[in-house]
Amino acid sequence: MSFLDKGEPALAVPLLDAEQTEQLLQTTGFEAFSGFMAGFVGELENRPAIIAEQWKLGDHSAARASAHYLKGPALTIGAARIAALCESIERGDEARSKRLIGLLQEAAEETGRAVRALIAL
């Protein structure tokens, strides 16, 4: 099942915003760009699980705060789908946020693969 089949508008957002990513590359140069991107991949490997665990433990406020924390670097590097999901988790009702947290890990894995391929060029 694809993201679009899951009926969530945040999942229809492109994985990466090419314009934002290109602007960051042009502004910082490849070395710094690669460092930012590698650091973000590290966040993608850990933060979605932290958000899910916080939600599972009933600390919805902490889960929303962690989603907000992840949204910042996602916006900076152009990880548009992650940013949209995090924004929706922050602002959604409990049922929607819970569902989106379940989808965040899959989006993080896909984004991580795309970012790693981008900096491997």
Protein backbone atom coordinates (compact mmCIF):
# COMPACT_ATOMS: atom_id res chain seq x y z
CA MET A 1 0.00 0.00 0.00
CA SER A 2 1.40 3.39 -0.95
CA PHE A 3 1.29 6.50 1.21
CA LEU A 4 -1.38 7.98 -1.02
CA ASP A 5 -3.62 4.97 -0.47
CA LYS A 6 -3.66 5.74 3.26
CA GLY A 7 -5.78 8.88 2.76
CA GLU A 8 -3.56 11.31 4.65
CA PRO A 9 -2.88 14.72 3.05
CA ALA A 10 0.52 15.05 4.77
CA LEU A 11 1.63 11.92 2.93
CA ALA A 12 0.89 13.50 -0.45
CA VAL A 13 3.62 16.08 0.16
CA PRO A 14 6.81 15.36 -1.81
CA LEU A 15 9.47 13.46 0.10
CA LEU A 16 12.07 16.19 -0.48
CA ASP A 17 11.64 19.81 -1.54
CA ALA A 18 14.27 20.00 -4.26
CA GLU A 19 14.31 23.80 -4.23
CA GLN A 20 14.94 24.00 -0.48
CA THR A 21 17.58 21.28 -0.63
CA GLU A 22 19.35 22.98 -3.54
CA GLN A 23 19.25 26.34 -1.75
CA LEU A 24 20.86 24.80 1.34
CA LEU A 25 23.56 23.19 -0.81
CA GLN A 26 24.30 26.45 -2.62
CA THR A 27 24.37 28.42 0.63
CA THR A 28 26.56 26.08 2.66
CA GLY A 29 28.68 24.17 0.15
CA PHE A 30 28.80 20.41 -0.22
CA GLU A 31 30.85 19.61 2.88
CA ALA A 32 28.57 21.44 5.31
CA PHE A 33 25.50 20.27 3.37
CA SER A 34 26.61 16.65 3.71
CA GLY A 35 27.13 17.16 7.45
CA PHE A 36 23.66 18.64 7.90
CA MET A 37 22.10 15.84 5.91
CA ALA A 38 24.01 13.10 7.75
CA GLY A 39 22.97 14.60 11.09
CA PHE A 40 19.36 14.66 9.94
CA VAL A 41 19.54 11.00 8.92
CA GLY A 42 20.68 10.27 12.49
CA GLU A 43 17.59 12.07 13.79
CA LEU A 44 15.42 10.06 11.41
CA GLU A 45 16.88 6.85 12.79
CA ASN A 46 15.95 7.75 16.38
CA ARG A 47 13.35 10.49 16.75
CA PRO A 48 10.31 8.67 15.28
CA ALA A 49 10.80 5.82 17.79
CA ILE A 50 11.10 8.35 20.62
CA ILE A 51 7.87 10.02 19.51
CA ALA A 52 6.08 6.66 19.31
CA GLU A 53 7.32 5.63 22.75
CA GLN A 54 6.27 8.92 24.32
CA TRP A 55 2.82 8.55 22.80
CA LYS A 56 2.54 4.93 23.92
CA LEU A 57 3.43 5.95 27.48
CA GLY A 58 0.64 8.53 27.40
CA ASP A 59 2.90 11.57 27.31
CA HIS A 60 1.21 13.12 24.32
CA SER A 61 2.58 16.56 25.09
CA ALA A 62 6.15 15.24 24.97
CA ALA A 63 5.41 13.36 21.72
CA ARG A 64 4.05 16.54 20.14
CA ALA A 65 7.10 18.48 21.39
CA SER A 66 9.41 15.85 19.88
CA ALA A 67 7.51 16.10 16.58
CA HIS A 68 8.04 19.85 16.70
CA TYR A 69 11.75 19.28 17.39
CA LEU A 70 12.04 17.04 14.30
CA LYS A 71 10.06 19.46 12.15
CA GLY A 72 12.71 22.20 12.50
CA PRO A 73 15.61 20.43 10.79
CA ALA A 74 13.19 18.81 8.33
CA LEU A 75 12.14 22.26 7.14
CA THR A 76 15.76 23.42 7.02
CA ILE A 77 16.99 20.61 4.80
CA GLY A 78 13.83 20.30 2.70
CA ALA A 79 12.43 17.04 4.06
CA ALA A 80 8.93 18.22 3.19
CA ARG A 81 6.97 15.04 3.99
CA ILE A 82 8.59 14.65 7.42
CA ALA A 83 7.88 18.32 8.17
CA ALA A 84 4.24 17.95 7.09
CA LEU A 85 3.77 14.81 9.17
CA CYS A 86 5.34 16.42 12.22
CA GLU A 87 3.16 19.52 11.81
CA SER A 88 0.08 17.31 11.56
CA ILE A 89 1.12 15.31 14.64
CA GLU A 90 1.57 18.55 16.57
CA ARG A 91 -1.80 19.96 15.60
CA GLY A 92 -3.96 16.88 15.05
CA ASP A 93 -6.54 15.45 17.40
CA GLU A 94 -5.47 12.41 19.40
CA ALA A 95 -6.77 9.82 16.95
CA ARG A 96 -5.16 11.48 13.93
CA SER A 97 -1.86 12.12 15.73
CA LYS A 98 -1.70 8.49 16.85
CA ARG A 99 -2.28 7.30 13.28
CA LEU A 100 0.34 9.68 11.89
CA ILE A 101 2.91 8.62 14.46
CA GLY A 102 2.42 5.11 13.14
CA LEU A 103 3.19 6.36 9.61
CA LEU A 104 6.13 8.55 10.62
CA GLN A 105 8.60 5.67 10.89
CA GLU A 106 7.90 4.51 7.34
CA ALA A 107 8.29 8.07 6.02
CA ALA A 108 11.51 8.48 8.03
CA GLU A 109 12.99 5.32 6.52
CA GLU A 110 12.11 6.41 2.98
CA THR A 111 13.45 9.92 3.58
CA GLY A 112 16.64 8.53 5.13
CA ARG A 113 17.27 6.42 2.03
CA ALA A 114 16.71 9.43 -0.25
CA VAL A 115 19.00 11.68 1.79
CA ARG A 116 21.76 9.07 1.96
CA ALA A 117 21.57 8.67 -1.83
CA LEU A 118 21.72 12.44 -2.26
CA ILE A 119 24.91 12.88 -0.23
CA ALA A 120 26.54 9.81 -1.80
CA LEU A 121 26.67 11.56 -5.19
